[in-house]
Amino acid sequence: MQEKRFCQSCLLPIATHSMTGTNADGSPNKKFCWNCYRNGSFTAPEITLQEMEQKVKKVLEANQIPANVIDLSINYLPRLVRWRN
């Protein structure tokens, strides 16, 4: 059984190698997705947790995810590696 991974910035499931972020040397970064992390840095380094919450909410709503799942996802974001203090 393959390990299920989720981006430690936006909570996107990282289901395939092509969804994995990349380090500066081009190697895969297993913590973050390609949308959040490329070439060794965040694609939106200035984004705040609150802005990420809104971004994630918008994507989940567009994909018709139930409201309770959206709430769970938004509430979980602060626990991810990128957002921990």
N, C-alpha and C. Protein backbone atom coordinates (compact mmCIF):
# COMPACT_ATOMS: atom_id res chain seq x y z
N MET A 1 0.84 -1.18 0.00
CA MET A 1 0.00 0.00 0.00
C MET A 1 0.89 1.25 0.00
N GLN A 2 0.59 2.17 -0.89
CA GLN A 2 1.38 3.39 -1.01
C GLN A 2 0.99 4.38 0.08
N GLU A 3 1.99 5.02 0.64
CA GLU A 3 1.77 6.03 1.68
C GLU A 3 1.04 7.23 1.08
N LYS A 4 0.02 7.71 1.78
CA LYS A 4 -0.70 8.90 1.34
C LYS A 4 -0.01 10.11 1.94
N ARG A 5 0.33 11.05 1.07
CA ARG A 5 0.99 12.26 1.53
C ARG A 5 0.13 13.46 1.17
N PHE A 6 0.25 14.49 1.98
CA PHE A 6 -0.46 15.73 1.75
C PHE A 6 0.53 16.88 1.84
N CYS A 7 0.34 17.88 0.99
CA CYS A 7 1.20 19.05 1.01
C CYS A 7 1.17 19.69 2.39
N GLN A 8 2.33 19.99 2.92
CA GLN A 8 2.46 20.59 4.24
C GLN A 8 2.35 22.12 4.19
N SER A 9 1.75 22.61 3.10
CA SER A 9 1.45 24.02 2.97
C SER A 9 -0.04 24.23 2.71
N CYS A 10 -0.61 23.44 1.76
CA CYS A 10 -2.00 23.65 1.35
C CYS A 10 -2.91 22.45 1.58
N LEU A 11 -2.36 21.32 1.99
CA LEU A 11 -3.10 20.09 2.28
C LEU A 11 -3.54 19.33 1.02
N LEU A 12 -3.06 19.73 -0.15
CA LEU A 12 -3.38 19.00 -1.38
C LEU A 12 -2.82 17.59 -1.29
N PRO A 13 -3.62 16.57 -1.64
CA PRO A 13 -3.06 15.22 -1.67
C PRO A 13 -1.97 15.13 -2.74
N ILE A 14 -0.84 14.57 -2.39
CA ILE A 14 0.25 14.37 -3.34
C ILE A 14 0.18 12.91 -3.78
N ALA A 15 -0.59 12.69 -4.84
CA ALA A 15 -0.90 11.33 -5.27
C ALA A 15 0.10 10.77 -6.27
N THR A 16 0.75 11.64 -7.01
CA THR A 16 1.70 11.19 -8.03
C THR A 16 3.00 11.97 -7.93
N HIS A 17 4.04 11.40 -8.53
CA HIS A 17 5.35 12.06 -8.54
C HIS A 17 5.27 13.46 -9.17
N SER A 18 4.44 13.61 -10.19
CA SER A 18 4.34 14.89 -10.88
C SER A 18 3.72 15.99 -10.01
N MET A 19 3.09 15.60 -8.92
CA MET A 19 2.48 16.58 -8.02
C MET A 19 3.43 17.02 -6.92
N THR A 20 4.61 16.42 -6.85
CA THR A 20 5.59 16.70 -5.80
C THR A 20 6.36 17.97 -6.11
N GLY A 21 6.58 18.79 -5.09
CA GLY A 21 7.41 19.98 -5.24
C GLY A 21 8.85 19.60 -5.52
N THR A 22 9.67 20.60 -5.85
CA THR A 22 11.07 20.33 -6.17
C THR A 22 12.01 21.20 -5.34
N ASN A 23 13.15 20.61 -4.99
CA ASN A 23 14.21 21.33 -4.31
C ASN A 23 15.02 22.12 -5.33
N ALA A 24 15.94 22.94 -4.86
CA ALA A 24 16.76 23.77 -5.74
C ALA A 24 17.56 22.94 -6.74
N ASP A 25 17.95 21.74 -6.35
CA ASP A 25 18.72 20.88 -7.26
C ASP A 25 17.85 20.05 -8.19
N GLY A 26 16.53 20.27 -8.14
CA GLY A 26 15.61 19.55 -9.00
C GLY A 26 15.08 18.24 -8.41
N SER A 27 15.61 17.84 -7.27
CA SER A 27 15.14 16.61 -6.64
C SER A 27 13.76 16.84 -6.03
N PRO A 28 12.99 15.77 -5.86
CA PRO A 28 11.65 15.93 -5.29
C PRO A 28 11.69 16.36 -3.83
N ASN A 29 10.76 17.21 -3.47
CA ASN A 29 10.58 17.61 -2.09
C ASN A 29 9.30 16.95 -1.62
N LYS A 30 9.40 16.00 -0.74
CA LYS A 30 8.25 15.19 -0.35
C LYS A 30 7.29 15.87 0.62
N LYS A 31 7.63 17.05 1.09
CA LYS A 31 6.75 17.75 2.04
C LYS A 31 5.72 18.63 1.34
N PHE A 32 6.05 19.14 0.16
CA PHE A 32 5.20 20.14 -0.47
C PHE A 32 4.82 19.76 -1.90
N CYS A 33 3.67 20.25 -2.35
CA CYS A 33 3.22 20.00 -3.72
C CYS A 33 3.89 20.96 -4.69
N TRP A 34 3.76 20.66 -5.97
CA TRP A 34 4.36 21.47 -7.03
C TRP A 34 3.76 22.86 -7.07
N ASN A 35 2.52 23.01 -6.64
CA ASN A 35 1.87 24.31 -6.69
C ASN A 35 2.40 25.25 -5.61
N CYS A 36 2.87 24.69 -4.50
CA CYS A 36 3.36 25.52 -3.38
C CYS A 36 4.87 25.67 -3.36
N TYR A 37 5.60 24.70 -3.90
CA TYR A 37 7.06 24.69 -3.73
C TYR A 37 7.75 24.21 -5.00
N ARG A 38 8.56 25.09 -5.60
CA ARG A 38 9.31 24.75 -6.82
C ARG A 38 10.71 25.31 -6.73
N ASN A 39 11.66 24.52 -7.21
CA ASN A 39 13.05 24.96 -7.29
C ASN A 39 13.60 25.45 -5.95
N GLY A 40 13.16 24.81 -4.88
CA GLY A 40 13.72 25.12 -3.56
C GLY A 40 13.11 26.28 -2.82
N SER A 41 12.00 26.81 -3.31
CA SER A 41 11.36 27.92 -2.59
C SER A 41 9.85 27.90 -2.80
N PHE A 42 9.16 28.57 -1.91
CA PHE A 42 7.71 28.65 -2.03
C PHE A 42 7.33 29.52 -3.22
N THR A 43 6.28 29.13 -3.92
CA THR A 43 5.83 29.89 -5.08
C THR A 43 5.14 31.19 -4.66
N ALA A 44 4.62 31.22 -3.45
CA ALA A 44 4.01 32.43 -2.89
C ALA A 44 4.56 32.63 -1.48
N PRO A 45 5.79 33.10 -1.37
CA PRO A 45 6.42 33.21 -0.05
C PRO A 45 5.73 34.21 0.87
N GLU A 46 5.02 35.16 0.32
CA GLU A 46 4.40 36.21 1.11
C GLU A 46 3.00 35.85 1.60
N ILE A 47 2.44 34.74 1.14
CA ILE A 47 1.07 34.39 1.51
C ILE A 47 0.98 34.12 3.02
N THR A 48 -0.09 34.61 3.61
CA THR A 48 -0.31 34.39 5.04
C THR A 48 -1.18 33.14 5.23
N LEU A 49 -1.24 32.66 6.44
CA LEU A 49 -2.09 31.52 6.75
C LEU A 49 -3.55 31.85 6.41
N GLN A 50 -3.98 33.03 6.74
CA GLN A 50 -5.37 33.42 6.47
C GLN A 50 -5.64 33.45 4.97
N GLU A 51 -4.69 33.91 4.19
CA GLU A 51 -4.86 33.92 2.73
C GLU A 51 -4.87 32.49 2.18
N MET A 52 -4.05 31.62 2.75
CA MET A 52 -4.04 30.23 2.33
C MET A 52 -5.37 29.57 2.67
N GLU A 53 -5.91 29.89 3.82
CA GLU A 53 -7.21 29.33 4.20
C GLU A 53 -8.28 29.71 3.17
N GLN A 54 -8.28 30.96 2.74
CA GLN A 54 -9.25 31.40 1.74
C GLN A 54 -9.01 30.73 0.38
N LYS A 55 -7.76 30.57 0.03
CA LYS A 55 -7.42 29.91 -1.24
C LYS A 55 -7.87 28.46 -1.24
N VAL A 56 -7.58 27.76 -0.17
CA VAL A 56 -7.98 26.35 -0.05
C VAL A 56 -9.50 26.23 -0.05
N LYS A 57 -10.16 27.10 0.70
CA LYS A 57 -11.63 27.09 0.75
C LYS A 57 -12.23 27.28 -0.64
N LYS A 58 -11.70 28.21 -1.39
CA LYS A 58 -12.21 28.49 -2.74
C LYS A 58 -12.05 27.28 -3.66
N VAL A 59 -10.90 26.62 -3.59
CA VAL A 59 -10.65 25.44 -4.42
C VAL A 59 -11.59 24.31 -4.03
N LEU A 60 -11.74 24.08 -2.73
CA LEU A 60 -12.61 23.00 -2.27
C LEU A 60 -14.06 23.27 -2.63
N GLU A 61 -14.51 24.49 -2.49
CA GLU A 61 -15.88 24.84 -2.87
C GLU A 61 -16.09 24.65 -4.37
N ALA A 62 -15.12 25.03 -5.17
CA ALA A 62 -15.23 24.86 -6.62
C ALA A 62 -15.32 23.39 -7.02
N ASN A 63 -14.76 22.52 -6.18
CA ASN A 63 -14.82 21.09 -6.44
C ASN A 63 -15.98 20.42 -5.70
N GLN A 64 -16.90 21.23 -5.19
CA GLN A 64 -18.11 20.79 -4.53
C GLN A 64 -17.86 19.83 -3.36
N ILE A 65 -16.83 20.16 -2.59
CA ILE A 65 -16.52 19.40 -1.38
C ILE A 65 -17.52 19.82 -0.30
N PRO A 66 -18.04 18.88 0.48
CA PRO A 66 -19.00 19.23 1.53
C PRO A 66 -18.43 20.25 2.52
N ALA A 67 -19.31 21.09 3.04
CA ALA A 67 -18.90 22.17 3.94
C ALA A 67 -18.17 21.67 5.18
N ASN A 68 -18.60 20.52 5.72
CA ASN A 68 -17.93 20.02 6.92
C ASN A 68 -16.50 19.58 6.62
N VAL A 69 -16.25 19.07 5.44
CA VAL A 69 -14.89 18.68 5.05
C VAL A 69 -14.04 19.93 4.82
N ILE A 70 -14.63 20.95 4.25
CA ILE A 70 -13.92 22.22 4.06
C ILE A 70 -13.52 22.78 5.41
N ASP A 71 -14.44 22.79 6.36
CA ASP A 71 -14.14 23.31 7.70
C ASP A 71 -13.02 22.52 8.36
N LEU A 72 -13.06 21.19 8.25
CA LEU A 72 -12.00 20.36 8.82
C LEU A 72 -10.65 20.68 8.19
N SER A 73 -10.65 20.85 6.88
CA SER A 73 -9.41 21.16 6.16
C SER A 73 -8.84 22.50 6.59
N ILE A 74 -9.67 23.51 6.64
CA ILE A 74 -9.25 24.85 7.03
C ILE A 74 -8.71 24.84 8.46
N ASN A 75 -9.39 24.13 9.34
CA ASN A 75 -8.96 24.06 10.74
C ASN A 75 -7.67 23.28 10.91
N TYR A 76 -7.33 22.42 9.97
CA TYR A 76 -6.12 21.62 10.06
C TYR A 76 -4.88 22.37 9.55
N LEU A 77 -5.06 23.33 8.67
CA LEU A 77 -3.93 24.04 8.06
C LEU A 77 -2.88 24.53 9.06
N PRO A 78 -3.24 25.12 10.20
CA PRO A 78 -2.22 25.61 11.13
C PRO A 78 -1.28 24.53 11.67
N ARG A 79 -1.67 23.27 11.55
CA ARG A 79 -0.85 22.17 12.03
C ARG A 79 0.20 21.72 11.02
N LEU A 80 0.10 22.20 9.80
CA LEU A 80 1.04 21.78 8.75
C LEU A 80 2.41 22.43 8.96
N VAL A 81 3.43 21.79 8.44
CA VAL A 81 4.82 22.22 8.63
C VAL A 81 5.02 23.70 8.33
N ARG A 82 4.48 24.17 7.22
CA ARG A 82 4.70 25.56 6.83
C ARG A 82 4.13 26.56 7.83
N TRP A 83 3.05 26.21 8.49
CA TRP A 83 2.32 27.18 9.30
C TRP A 83 2.55 27.04 10.81
N ARG A 84 3.26 26.02 11.21
CA ARG A 84 3.55 25.86 12.65
C ARG A 84 4.47 26.98 13.12
N ASN A 85 4.21 27.45 14.30
CA ASN A 85 5.08 28.51 14.87
C ASN A 85 6.15 27.90 15.75
